[in-house]
Amino acid sequence: PYPGSLEEARHSAAEARRSLRGCATDLSAAESAVREASDVLVRHANSTRYEQVRTPARQQIRELPAAALPEHAAKWAEAFAPRLRVLTDELEQLERNRDTIVDRLRGLVESALATLRSAQRLSRLPEGLGEWSGQEFLSIRFEEPDHATLAERLGEVIDEATRAAVRKNSDLRRDGMSLLLRGVQAALEPRGVAVEILKPDAVLRAERV
């Protein structure tokens, strides 16, 4: 028998029902989350990206009923843990290598932009040419990005070049000049380079075109 009063019993029963409804809601949400996670896992295992992966776990994920997947999750997680550590280390190394490549390309691009700037200075004409005397034959204008923006743009150039090389099964090392030119182009986006020259003229008027 319930030790308390009738009112206390009713209150206790109401609290128990509320708690039960809350637990049922939580259980339903958890089951829905498990089903969704199972669906994601199966789609992942069936992806064509992993056709070359021949591990038993992938085969099991593809063949087992969705309802049976959760009971194997802990075992699979344990089996994948060593490989995850290896892949994580490899990805970190790749990221460091990418940063090194971007940094080296940035140096080459900055050197190329410096060459562009010096071309204008070196085009200064000697005296004795009328209005052209002391004029710079070339006028080169461009906006140079800051280091952070340049690094970001060059990173995109490297990533795209890498994807293209993978698609074509080619070697990036054989196409260094093309990569540098793409880097310079990316550095000068979106306006590019504006170049004016002194208009060739019989009387050497200082007009630019």
N, C-alpha and C. Protein backbone atom coordinates (compact mmCIF):
# COMPACT_ATOMS: atom_id res chain seq x y z
N PRO A 1 0.83 -1.20 0.00
CA PRO A 1 0.00 0.00 0.00
C PRO A 1 0.87 1.26 0.00
N TYR A 2 0.33 2.33 -0.62
CA TYR A 2 1.06 3.60 -0.65
C TYR A 2 1.04 4.23 0.73
N PRO A 3 2.18 4.63 1.25
CA PRO A 3 2.23 5.10 2.64
C PRO A 3 1.63 6.49 2.85
N GLY A 4 1.53 7.29 1.78
CA GLY A 4 1.06 8.65 1.95
C GLY A 4 -0.44 8.78 1.76
N SER A 5 -0.85 10.05 1.66
CA SER A 5 -2.28 10.33 1.49
C SER A 5 -2.68 10.14 0.04
N LEU A 6 -4.00 10.20 -0.20
CA LEU A 6 -4.51 10.05 -1.56
C LEU A 6 -3.99 11.17 -2.46
N GLU A 7 -3.96 12.39 -1.93
CA GLU A 7 -3.48 13.52 -2.72
C GLU A 7 -2.00 13.35 -3.07
N GLU A 8 -1.23 12.87 -2.13
CA GLU A 8 0.20 12.63 -2.38
C GLU A 8 0.38 11.53 -3.42
N ALA A 9 -0.46 10.53 -3.36
CA ALA A 9 -0.38 9.43 -4.33
C ALA A 9 -0.69 9.94 -5.73
N ARG A 10 -1.73 10.79 -5.84
CA ARG A 10 -2.07 11.35 -7.14
C ARG A 10 -0.93 12.21 -7.69
N HIS A 11 -0.35 13.01 -6.81
CA HIS A 11 0.76 13.86 -7.23
C HIS A 11 1.96 13.02 -7.68
N SER A 12 2.25 11.98 -6.93
CA SER A 12 3.37 11.10 -7.27
C SER A 12 3.12 10.40 -8.60
N ALA A 13 1.87 9.97 -8.82
CA ALA A 13 1.53 9.30 -10.07
C ALA A 13 1.67 10.25 -11.26
N ALA A 14 1.24 11.50 -11.06
CA ALA A 14 1.34 12.50 -12.13
C ALA A 14 2.81 12.77 -12.47
N GLU A 15 3.63 12.87 -11.45
CA GLU A 15 5.06 13.08 -11.67
C GLU A 15 5.67 11.90 -12.43
N ALA A 16 5.26 10.69 -12.05
CA ALA A 16 5.78 9.50 -12.71
C ALA A 16 5.37 9.47 -14.18
N ARG A 17 4.11 9.87 -14.46
CA ARG A 17 3.64 9.89 -15.85
C ARG A 17 4.41 10.93 -16.67
N ARG A 18 4.64 12.11 -16.06
CA ARG A 18 5.41 13.14 -16.77
C ARG A 18 6.83 12.66 -17.06
N SER A 19 7.42 12.01 -16.07
CA SER A 19 8.78 11.49 -16.25
C SER A 19 8.80 10.42 -17.34
N LEU A 20 7.77 9.58 -17.34
CA LEU A 20 7.70 8.52 -18.35
C LEU A 20 7.54 9.11 -19.75
N ARG A 21 6.69 10.14 -19.87
CA ARG A 21 6.53 10.77 -21.18
C ARG A 21 7.84 11.42 -21.64
N GLY A 22 8.54 12.04 -20.70
CA GLY A 22 9.83 12.64 -21.05
C GLY A 22 10.83 11.60 -21.50
N CYS A 23 10.85 10.47 -20.79
CA CYS A 23 11.77 9.39 -21.17
C CYS A 23 11.41 8.83 -22.54
N ALA A 24 10.09 8.71 -22.80
CA ALA A 24 9.66 8.19 -24.10
C ALA A 24 10.07 9.14 -25.22
N THR A 25 9.96 10.44 -24.96
CA THR A 25 10.37 11.43 -25.96
C THR A 25 11.87 11.34 -26.22
N ASP A 26 12.64 11.24 -25.13
CA ASP A 26 14.09 11.12 -25.28
C ASP A 26 14.47 9.85 -26.02
N LEU A 27 13.76 8.75 -25.70
CA LEU A 27 14.05 7.48 -26.37
C LEU A 27 13.75 7.57 -27.86
N SER A 28 12.63 8.20 -28.19
CA SER A 28 12.27 8.34 -29.60
C SER A 28 13.30 9.18 -30.35
N ALA A 29 13.75 10.26 -29.71
CA ALA A 29 14.76 11.11 -30.34
C ALA A 29 16.07 10.36 -30.52
N ALA A 30 16.44 9.57 -29.50
CA ALA A 30 17.68 8.80 -29.59
C ALA A 30 17.60 7.75 -30.70
N GLU A 31 16.46 7.08 -30.79
CA GLU A 31 16.29 6.07 -31.84
C GLU A 31 16.33 6.71 -33.22
N SER A 32 15.73 7.89 -33.34
CA SER A 32 15.75 8.60 -34.62
C SER A 32 17.18 9.00 -34.98
N ALA A 33 17.94 9.46 -33.98
CA ALA A 33 19.33 9.85 -34.23
C ALA A 33 20.17 8.64 -34.65
N VAL A 34 19.90 7.49 -34.02
CA VAL A 34 20.64 6.27 -34.37
C VAL A 34 20.30 5.85 -35.80
N ARG A 35 19.01 5.91 -36.15
CA ARG A 35 18.62 5.54 -37.52
C ARG A 35 19.27 6.47 -38.54
N GLU A 36 19.27 7.76 -38.23
CA GLU A 36 19.89 8.72 -39.15
C GLU A 36 21.38 8.47 -39.29
N ALA A 37 22.04 8.21 -38.15
CA ALA A 37 23.48 7.94 -38.18
C ALA A 37 23.76 6.65 -38.96
N SER A 38 22.90 5.65 -38.81
CA SER A 38 23.07 4.40 -39.54
C SER A 38 22.93 4.62 -41.04
N ASP A 39 21.95 5.44 -41.42
CA ASP A 39 21.76 5.74 -42.84
C ASP A 39 22.98 6.46 -43.42
N VAL A 40 23.50 7.41 -42.65
CA VAL A 40 24.69 8.14 -43.10
C VAL A 40 25.87 7.18 -43.25
N LEU A 41 26.02 6.29 -42.29
CA LEU A 41 27.12 5.33 -42.32
C LEU A 41 27.03 4.42 -43.54
N VAL A 42 25.83 3.94 -43.83
CA VAL A 42 25.65 3.05 -44.98
C VAL A 42 25.92 3.80 -46.28
N ARG A 43 25.42 5.03 -46.38
CA ARG A 43 25.68 5.82 -47.60
C ARG A 43 27.18 6.06 -47.76
N HIS A 44 27.83 6.31 -46.65
CA HIS A 44 29.28 6.54 -46.69
C HIS A 44 30.00 5.29 -47.18
N ALA A 45 29.61 4.15 -46.64
CA ALA A 45 30.26 2.89 -47.02
C ALA A 45 29.99 2.53 -48.48
N ASN A 46 28.84 2.94 -48.99
CA ASN A 46 28.48 2.62 -50.37
C ASN A 46 29.01 3.63 -51.38
N SER A 47 29.63 4.69 -50.90
CA SER A 47 30.12 5.73 -51.80
C SER A 47 31.15 5.15 -52.78
N THR A 48 31.07 5.62 -54.01
CA THR A 48 32.03 5.15 -55.03
C THR A 48 33.45 5.58 -54.71
N ARG A 49 33.60 6.58 -53.84
CA ARG A 49 34.94 7.02 -53.46
C ARG A 49 35.73 5.91 -52.78
N TYR A 50 35.02 4.96 -52.17
CA TYR A 50 35.69 3.93 -51.38
C TYR A 50 35.60 2.55 -52.01
N GLU A 51 35.43 2.51 -53.33
CA GLU A 51 35.33 1.22 -54.00
C GLU A 51 36.59 0.38 -53.84
N GLN A 52 37.74 1.05 -53.67
CA GLN A 52 38.99 0.32 -53.54
C GLN A 52 39.26 -0.15 -52.11
N VAL A 53 38.42 0.27 -51.17
CA VAL A 53 38.60 -0.13 -49.77
C VAL A 53 37.98 -1.51 -49.57
N ARG A 54 38.81 -2.49 -49.19
CA ARG A 54 38.34 -3.87 -49.10
C ARG A 54 38.29 -4.37 -47.66
N THR A 55 38.12 -3.50 -46.70
CA THR A 55 38.14 -3.92 -45.30
C THR A 55 36.87 -4.70 -44.95
N PRO A 56 36.98 -5.66 -44.03
CA PRO A 56 35.78 -6.41 -43.60
C PRO A 56 34.70 -5.50 -43.02
N ALA A 57 35.11 -4.46 -42.31
CA ALA A 57 34.13 -3.56 -41.69
C ALA A 57 33.25 -2.90 -42.74
N ARG A 58 33.85 -2.44 -43.82
CA ARG A 58 33.05 -1.80 -44.88
C ARG A 58 32.06 -2.78 -45.48
N GLN A 59 32.51 -4.00 -45.69
CA GLN A 59 31.61 -5.01 -46.24
C GLN A 59 30.46 -5.30 -45.29
N GLN A 60 30.76 -5.37 -44.00
CA GLN A 60 29.72 -5.62 -43.01
C GLN A 60 28.71 -4.48 -42.96
N ILE A 61 29.20 -3.26 -43.01
CA ILE A 61 28.31 -2.10 -42.97
C ILE A 61 27.36 -2.11 -44.16
N ARG A 62 27.86 -2.55 -45.30
CA ARG A 62 27.04 -2.57 -46.50
C ARG A 62 26.01 -3.70 -46.48
N GLU A 63 26.33 -4.79 -45.80
CA GLU A 63 25.48 -5.98 -45.88
C GLU A 63 24.54 -6.15 -44.70
N LEU A 64 24.92 -5.67 -43.52
CA LEU A 64 24.09 -5.87 -42.34
C LEU A 64 22.81 -5.03 -42.41
N PRO A 65 21.73 -5.51 -41.81
CA PRO A 65 20.52 -4.67 -41.70
C PRO A 65 20.83 -3.43 -40.87
N ALA A 66 20.15 -2.34 -41.20
CA ALA A 66 20.41 -1.08 -40.50
C ALA A 66 20.22 -1.21 -39.00
N ALA A 67 19.24 -2.01 -38.59
CA ALA A 67 18.96 -2.16 -37.16
C ALA A 67 20.09 -2.86 -36.42
N ALA A 68 20.91 -3.61 -37.15
CA ALA A 68 21.99 -4.36 -36.50
C ALA A 68 23.29 -3.57 -36.41
N LEU A 69 23.34 -2.42 -37.06
CA LEU A 69 24.59 -1.65 -37.09
C LEU A 69 25.03 -1.14 -35.72
N PRO A 70 24.12 -0.60 -34.89
CA PRO A 70 24.58 -0.01 -33.62
C PRO A 70 25.35 -0.97 -32.73
N GLU A 71 24.97 -2.24 -32.70
CA GLU A 71 25.64 -3.17 -31.79
C GLU A 71 27.08 -3.45 -32.22
N HIS A 72 27.42 -3.14 -33.47
CA HIS A 72 28.79 -3.35 -33.95
C HIS A 72 29.63 -2.07 -33.90
N ALA A 73 28.99 -0.95 -33.56
CA ALA A 73 29.67 0.34 -33.66
C ALA A 73 30.94 0.41 -32.83
N ALA A 74 30.87 -0.07 -31.59
CA ALA A 74 32.04 0.02 -30.70
C ALA A 74 33.20 -0.81 -31.26
N LYS A 75 32.89 -1.98 -31.79
CA LYS A 75 33.94 -2.84 -32.34
C LYS A 75 34.59 -2.19 -33.56
N TRP A 76 33.77 -1.59 -34.41
CA TRP A 76 34.31 -0.93 -35.60
C TRP A 76 35.15 0.28 -35.20
N ALA A 77 34.67 1.03 -34.23
CA ALA A 77 35.42 2.21 -33.78
C ALA A 77 36.79 1.81 -33.26
N GLU A 78 36.84 0.72 -32.53
CA GLU A 78 38.12 0.23 -32.01
C GLU A 78 39.03 -0.23 -33.14
N ALA A 79 38.44 -0.88 -34.14
CA ALA A 79 39.24 -1.38 -35.26
C ALA A 79 39.78 -0.24 -36.12
N PHE A 80 38.99 0.82 -36.25
CA PHE A 80 39.39 1.94 -37.10
C PHE A 80 40.34 2.92 -36.39
N ALA A 81 40.41 2.86 -35.08
CA ALA A 81 41.20 3.86 -34.33
C ALA A 81 42.66 3.94 -34.78
N PRO A 82 43.38 2.82 -34.93
CA PRO A 82 44.78 2.93 -35.37
C PRO A 82 44.91 3.57 -36.75
N ARG A 83 44.01 3.18 -37.66
CA ARG A 83 44.07 3.74 -39.01
C ARG A 83 43.74 5.24 -38.99
N LEU A 84 42.83 5.61 -38.11
CA LEU A 84 42.48 7.03 -37.98
C LEU A 84 43.68 7.84 -37.54
N ARG A 85 44.45 7.30 -36.59
CA ARG A 85 45.64 8.02 -36.13
C ARG A 85 46.65 8.19 -37.27
N VAL A 86 46.83 7.12 -38.05
CA VAL A 86 47.78 7.19 -39.17
C VAL A 86 47.33 8.21 -40.20
N LEU A 87 46.04 8.17 -40.55
CA LEU A 87 45.52 9.10 -41.55
C LEU A 87 45.58 10.54 -41.05
N THR A 88 45.31 10.73 -39.77
CA THR A 88 45.38 12.08 -39.20
C THR A 88 46.79 12.63 -39.30
N ASP A 89 47.78 11.78 -38.97
CA ASP A 89 49.18 12.20 -39.08
C ASP A 89 49.54 12.53 -40.53
N GLU A 90 49.06 11.70 -41.46
CA GLU A 90 49.37 11.92 -42.87
C GLU A 90 48.73 13.22 -43.37
N LEU A 91 47.50 13.48 -42.95
CA LEU A 91 46.82 14.71 -43.36
C LEU A 91 47.53 15.94 -42.80
N GLU A 92 47.99 15.84 -41.56
CA GLU A 92 48.73 16.96 -40.97
C GLU A 92 50.03 17.20 -41.72
N GLN A 93 50.70 16.11 -42.13
CA GLN A 93 51.93 16.25 -42.89
C GLN A 93 51.66 16.87 -44.26
N LEU A 94 50.57 16.45 -44.89
CA LEU A 94 50.20 17.02 -46.18
C LEU A 94 49.90 18.51 -46.05
N GLU A 95 49.25 18.88 -44.96
CA GLU A 95 48.94 20.29 -44.75
C GLU A 95 50.21 21.11 -44.56
N ARG A 96 51.18 20.53 -43.84
CA ARG A 96 52.46 21.22 -43.67
C ARG A 96 53.18 21.35 -45.01
N ASN A 97 53.13 20.29 -45.81
CA ASN A 97 53.76 20.34 -47.14
C ASN A 97 53.09 21.40 -48.01
N ARG A 98 51.76 21.45 -47.93
CA ARG A 98 51.03 22.45 -48.72
C ARG A 98 51.44 23.86 -48.30
N ASP A 99 51.54 24.09 -47.00
CA ASP A 99 51.95 25.41 -46.51
C ASP A 99 53.34 25.78 -47.03
N THR A 100 54.23 24.79 -47.07
CA THR A 100 55.58 25.04 -47.57
C THR A 100 55.56 25.41 -49.05
N ILE A 101 54.76 24.67 -49.83
CA ILE A 101 54.66 24.95 -51.26
C ILE A 101 54.06 26.33 -51.50
N VAL A 102 53.01 26.66 -50.74
CA VAL A 102 52.39 27.98 -50.89
C VAL A 102 53.39 29.07 -50.54
N ASP A 103 54.17 28.86 -49.50
CA ASP A 103 55.14 29.87 -49.08
C ASP A 103 56.21 30.07 -50.16
N ARG A 104 56.66 28.97 -50.76
CA ARG A 104 57.67 29.10 -51.82
C ARG A 104 57.09 29.76 -53.06
N LEU A 105 55.87 29.39 -53.40
CA LEU A 105 55.22 30.02 -54.56
C LEU A 105 54.99 31.50 -54.29
N ARG A 106 54.66 31.84 -53.06
CA ARG A 106 54.46 33.25 -52.72
C ARG A 106 55.75 34.05 -52.95
N GLY A 107 56.88 33.46 -52.57
CA GLY A 107 58.15 34.14 -52.81
C GLY A 107 58.41 34.37 -54.29
N LEU A 108 58.11 33.37 -55.11
CA LEU A 108 58.31 33.50 -56.55
C LEU A 108 57.36 34.54 -57.15
N VAL A 109 56.12 34.53 -56.68
CA VAL A 109 55.14 35.49 -57.20
C VAL A 109 55.54 36.91 -56.81
N GLU A 110 55.96 37.09 -55.57
CA GLU A 110 56.38 38.42 -55.14
C GLU A 110 57.60 38.89 -55.93
N SER A 111 58.49 37.96 -56.26
CA SER A 111 59.65 38.31 -57.08
C SER A 111 59.21 38.72 -58.48
N ALA A 112 58.22 38.00 -59.03
CA ALA A 112 57.71 38.35 -60.36
C ALA A 112 57.05 39.72 -60.35
N LEU A 113 56.31 40.02 -59.29
CA LEU A 113 55.67 41.34 -59.20
C LEU A 113 56.72 42.44 -59.05
N ALA A 114 57.78 42.13 -58.33
CA ALA A 114 58.86 43.11 -58.20
C ALA A 114 59.52 43.37 -59.56
N THR A 115 59.62 42.32 -60.37
CA THR A 115 60.16 42.49 -61.72
C THR A 115 59.27 43.39 -62.56
N LEU A 116 57.96 43.23 -62.40
CA LEU A 116 57.03 44.12 -63.11
C LEU A 116 57.23 45.57 -62.70
N ARG A 117 57.37 45.78 -61.40
CA ARG A 117 57.57 47.15 -60.92
C ARG A 117 58.88 47.72 -61.44
N SER A 118 59.92 46.91 -61.45
CA SER A 118 61.22 47.41 -61.90
C SER A 118 61.23 47.67 -63.40
N ALA A 119 60.38 46.95 -64.15
CA ALA A 119 60.33 47.16 -65.60
C ALA A 119 59.96 48.60 -65.92
N GLN A 120 59.06 49.17 -65.14
CA GLN A 120 58.69 50.57 -65.37
C GLN A 120 59.87 51.49 -65.08
N ARG A 121 60.56 51.26 -63.98
CA ARG A 121 61.69 52.11 -63.63
C ARG A 121 62.80 52.01 -64.68
N LEU A 122 63.03 50.79 -65.15
CA LEU A 122 64.12 50.58 -66.11
C LEU A 122 63.78 51.09 -67.51
N SER A 123 62.52 51.45 -67.72
CA SER A 123 62.14 51.94 -69.05
C SER A 123 62.33 53.45 -69.19
N ARG A 124 62.94 54.07 -68.18
CA ARG A 124 63.15 55.52 -68.25
C ARG A 124 64.09 55.86 -69.42
N LEU A 125 63.68 56.79 -70.22
CA LEU A 125 64.43 57.15 -71.43
C LEU A 125 65.50 58.20 -71.13
N PRO A 126 66.55 58.22 -71.93
CA PRO A 126 67.63 59.19 -71.70
C PRO A 126 67.22 60.59 -72.13
N GLU A 127 68.08 61.55 -71.83
CA GLU A 127 67.84 62.93 -72.26
C GLU A 127 68.10 63.05 -73.77
N GLY A 128 67.64 64.16 -74.31
CA GLY A 128 67.87 64.41 -75.73
C GLY A 128 66.78 63.88 -76.63
N LEU A 129 65.63 63.52 -76.04
CA LEU A 129 64.53 62.97 -76.84
C LEU A 129 63.29 63.86 -76.77
N GLY A 130 63.51 65.15 -76.61
CA GLY A 130 62.38 66.07 -76.57
C GLY A 130 61.49 65.80 -75.37
N GLU A 131 60.17 65.76 -75.64
CA GLU A 131 59.23 65.52 -74.54
C GLU A 131 59.42 64.14 -73.91
N TRP A 132 60.04 63.24 -74.63
CA TRP A 132 60.25 61.90 -74.09
C TRP A 132 61.42 61.85 -73.10
N SER A 133 62.22 62.88 -73.06
CA SER A 133 63.41 62.87 -72.20
C SER A 133 63.03 62.60 -70.75
N GLY A 134 63.67 61.61 -70.17
CA GLY A 134 63.43 61.28 -68.77
C GLY A 134 62.12 60.59 -68.48
N GLN A 135 61.31 60.38 -69.52
CA GLN A 135 60.02 59.71 -69.33
C GLN A 135 60.21 58.19 -69.21
N GLU A 136 59.32 57.56 -68.48
CA GLU A 136 59.30 56.10 -68.43
C GLU A 136 58.46 55.60 -69.60
N PHE A 137 59.08 54.82 -70.47
CA PHE A 137 58.39 54.34 -71.66
C PHE A 137 57.19 53.48 -71.27
N LEU A 138 57.32 52.72 -70.20
CA LEU A 138 56.25 51.86 -69.71
C LEU A 138 55.61 52.44 -68.46
N SER A 139 54.30 52.33 -68.37
CA SER A 139 53.58 52.65 -67.14
C SER A 139 52.79 51.40 -66.75
N ILE A 140 53.15 50.80 -65.63
CA ILE A 140 52.55 49.53 -65.21
C ILE A 140 51.86 49.74 -63.87
N ARG A 141 50.57 49.46 -63.82
CA ARG A 141 49.80 49.66 -62.59
C ARG A 141 49.10 48.36 -62.20
N PHE A 142 49.20 48.04 -60.93
CA PHE A 142 48.46 46.89 -60.41
C PHE A 142 48.39 47.02 -58.89
N GLU A 143 47.40 46.34 -58.32
CA GLU A 143 47.24 46.33 -56.87
C GLU A 143 47.79 45.02 -56.32
N GLU A 144 48.74 45.14 -55.43
CA GLU A 144 49.36 43.95 -54.85
C GLU A 144 48.64 43.59 -53.55
N PRO A 145 48.19 42.34 -53.39
CA PRO A 145 47.45 41.96 -52.18
C PRO A 145 48.38 41.86 -50.97
N ASP A 146 47.78 41.89 -49.78
CA ASP A 146 48.57 41.69 -48.57
C ASP A 146 48.97 40.22 -48.46
N HIS A 147 49.85 39.91 -47.52
CA HIS A 147 50.40 38.56 -47.41
C HIS A 147 49.31 37.51 -47.17
N ALA A 148 48.37 37.83 -46.29
CA ALA A 148 47.33 36.84 -45.96
C ALA A 148 46.45 36.54 -47.17
N THR A 149 46.05 37.59 -47.88
CA THR A 149 45.21 37.40 -49.07
C THR A 149 45.97 36.65 -50.15
N LEU A 150 47.23 37.01 -50.33
CA LEU A 150 48.05 36.34 -51.34
C LEU A 150 48.20 34.86 -51.01
N ALA A 151 48.47 34.55 -49.75
CA ALA A 151 48.62 33.14 -49.35
C ALA A 151 47.33 32.36 -49.59
N GLU A 152 46.20 32.98 -49.30
CA GLU A 152 44.91 32.30 -49.52
C GLU A 152 44.69 32.03 -51.01
N ARG A 153 44.96 33.03 -51.84
CA ARG A 153 44.76 32.85 -53.28
C ARG A 153 45.71 31.80 -53.85
N LEU A 154 46.95 31.83 -53.40
CA LEU A 154 47.91 30.85 -53.91
C LEU A 154 47.57 29.45 -53.41
N GLY A 155 47.00 29.35 -52.22
CA GLY A 155 46.54 28.05 -51.74
C GLY A 155 45.49 27.47 -52.66
N GLU A 156 44.59 28.32 -53.13
CA GLU A 156 43.55 27.87 -54.07
C GLU A 156 44.18 27.43 -55.39
N VAL A 157 45.21 28.17 -55.83
CA VAL A 157 45.91 27.79 -57.07
C VAL A 157 46.55 26.41 -56.92
N ILE A 158 47.21 26.20 -55.79
CA ILE A 158 47.87 24.91 -55.54
C ILE A 158 46.84 23.78 -55.47
N ASP A 159 45.74 24.03 -54.78
CA ASP A 159 44.71 22.99 -54.66
C ASP A 159 44.13 22.62 -56.02
N GLU A 160 43.84 23.63 -56.83
CA GLU A 160 43.27 23.36 -58.15
C GLU A 160 44.28 22.64 -59.04
N ALA A 161 45.53 23.07 -58.97
CA ALA A 161 46.57 22.41 -59.77
C ALA A 161 46.74 20.96 -59.34
N THR A 162 46.65 20.72 -58.04
CA THR A 162 46.78 19.35 -57.53
C THR A 162 45.62 18.48 -58.01
N ARG A 163 44.40 19.03 -57.93
CA ARG A 163 43.24 18.27 -58.41
C ARG A 163 43.36 17.96 -59.90
N ALA A 164 43.82 18.94 -60.67
CA ALA A 164 43.97 18.73 -62.11
C ALA A 164 45.04 17.67 -62.39
N ALA A 165 46.13 17.71 -61.63
CA ALA A 165 47.20 16.72 -61.82
C ALA A 165 46.72 15.32 -61.48
N VAL A 166 45.90 15.22 -60.44
CA VAL A 166 45.37 13.90 -60.06
C VAL A 166 44.43 13.38 -61.15
N ARG A 167 43.59 14.28 -61.68
CA ARG A 167 42.67 13.85 -62.74
C ARG A 167 43.42 13.37 -63.97
N LYS A 168 44.51 14.07 -64.30
CA LYS A 168 45.26 13.73 -65.51
C LYS A 168 46.40 12.75 -65.24
N ASN A 169 46.61 12.42 -63.96
CA ASN A 169 47.71 11.54 -63.57
C ASN A 169 49.05 12.10 -64.06
N SER A 170 49.24 13.40 -63.87
CA SER A 170 50.46 14.07 -64.33
C SER A 170 51.29 14.53 -63.15
N ASP A 171 52.46 15.08 -63.45
CA ASP A 171 53.41 15.49 -62.43
C ASP A 171 53.49 17.01 -62.40
N LEU A 172 53.15 17.60 -61.24
CA LEU A 172 53.18 19.06 -61.13
C LEU A 172 54.58 19.63 -61.35
N ARG A 173 55.61 18.87 -61.05
CA ARG A 173 56.97 19.39 -61.15
C ARG A 173 57.35 19.74 -62.58
N ARG A 174 56.64 19.19 -63.55
CA ARG A 174 56.95 19.46 -64.95
C ARG A 174 56.28 20.72 -65.46
N ASP A 175 55.49 21.37 -64.63
CA ASP A 175 54.71 22.50 -65.10
C ASP A 175 54.88 23.69 -64.17
N GLY A 176 56.12 23.93 -63.75
CA GLY A 176 56.38 24.98 -62.78
C GLY A 176 56.07 26.37 -63.29
N MET A 177 56.44 26.68 -64.53
CA MET A 177 56.21 28.02 -65.07
C MET A 177 54.73 28.31 -65.19
N SER A 178 53.96 27.33 -65.63
CA SER A 178 52.51 27.52 -65.72
C SER A 178 51.92 27.79 -64.34
N LEU A 179 52.42 27.09 -63.34
CA LEU A 179 51.94 27.30 -61.97
C LEU A 179 52.29 28.70 -61.49
N LEU A 180 53.49 29.16 -61.81
CA LEU A 180 53.89 30.51 -61.42
C LEU A 180 53.01 31.56 -62.10
N LEU A 181 52.74 31.37 -63.38
CA LEU A 181 51.89 32.32 -64.10
C LEU A 181 50.48 32.36 -63.52
N ARG A 182 49.97 31.19 -63.15
CA ARG A 182 48.65 31.17 -62.52
C ARG A 182 48.69 31.85 -61.16
N GLY A 183 49.81 31.70 -60.47
CA GLY A 183 49.96 32.37 -59.18
C GLY A 183 49.98 33.88 -59.33
N VAL A 184 50.70 34.37 -60.33
CA VAL A 184 50.75 35.82 -60.59
C VAL A 184 49.36 36.32 -60.97
N GLN A 185 48.67 35.57 -61.81
CA GLN A 185 47.33 35.96 -62.22
C GLN A 185 46.39 36.04 -61.01
N ALA A 186 46.49 35.05 -60.13
CA ALA A 186 45.64 35.05 -58.93
C ALA A 186 45.98 36.22 -58.02
N ALA A 187 47.27 36.55 -57.94
CA ALA A 187 47.70 37.65 -57.07
C ALA A 187 47.13 38.98 -57.54
N LEU A 188 46.95 39.13 -58.84
CA LEU A 188 46.53 40.41 -59.40
C LEU A 188 45.01 40.52 -59.59
N GLU A 189 44.29 39.48 -59.19
CA GLU A 189 42.83 39.55 -59.32
C GLU A 189 42.27 40.59 -58.36
N PRO A 190 41.15 41.24 -58.69
CA PRO A 190 40.36 41.01 -59.91
C PRO A 190 40.71 41.96 -61.06
N ARG A 191 41.53 42.97 -60.80
CA ARG A 191 41.75 44.00 -61.82
C ARG A 191 42.85 43.68 -62.80
N GLY A 192 43.78 42.83 -62.42
CA GLY A 192 44.88 42.51 -63.31
C GLY A 192 45.90 43.63 -63.41
N VAL A 193 46.53 43.73 -64.57
CA VAL A 193 47.59 44.72 -64.79
C VAL A 193 47.16 45.69 -65.88
N ALA A 194 47.38 46.98 -65.62
CA ALA A 194 47.13 48.00 -66.64
C ALA A 194 48.49 48.52 -67.12
N VAL A 195 48.72 48.44 -68.43
CA VAL A 195 50.01 48.85 -69.00
C VAL A 195 49.76 49.93 -70.05
N GLU A 196 50.50 51.01 -69.94
CA GLU A 196 50.48 52.06 -70.96
C GLU A 196 51.90 52.27 -71.46
N ILE A 197 52.01 52.61 -72.73
CA ILE A 197 53.33 52.92 -73.30
C ILE A 197 53.27 54.29 -73.97
N LEU A 198 54.42 54.89 -74.13
CA LEU A 198 54.48 56.14 -74.88
C LEU A 198 54.12 55.86 -76.33
N LYS A 199 53.19 56.63 -76.84
CA LYS A 199 52.73 56.42 -78.20
C LYS A 199 53.83 56.76 -79.20
N PRO A 200 54.20 55.80 -80.04
CA PRO A 200 55.22 56.10 -81.06
C PRO A 200 54.78 57.29 -81.92
N ASP A 201 55.66 58.26 -82.01
CA ASP A 201 55.29 59.51 -82.69
C ASP A 201 56.55 60.12 -83.29
N ALA A 202 56.42 60.64 -84.50
CA ALA A 202 57.59 61.19 -85.19
C ALA A 202 58.17 62.38 -84.46
N VAL A 203 57.31 63.15 -83.78
CA VAL A 203 57.81 64.34 -83.07
C VAL A 203 57.98 64.07 -81.58
N LEU A 204 57.83 62.82 -81.17
CA LEU A 204 58.07 62.39 -79.79
C LEU A 204 57.21 63.14 -78.78
N ARG A 205 55.90 63.26 -79.08
CA ARG A 205 55.00 63.83 -78.09
C ARG A 205 54.79 62.82 -76.96
N ALA A 206 54.69 63.32 -75.74
CA ALA A 206 54.54 62.44 -74.58
C ALA A 206 53.08 62.03 -74.39
N GLU A 207 52.58 61.22 -75.31
CA GLU A 207 51.22 60.70 -75.22
C GLU A 207 51.29 59.20 -74.96
N ARG A 208 50.42 58.75 -74.09
CA ARG A 208 50.43 57.33 -73.74
C ARG A 208 49.21 56.62 -74.29
N VAL A 209 49.41 55.36 -74.63
CA VAL A 209 48.32 54.53 -75.13
C VAL A 209 48.33 53.20 -74.38
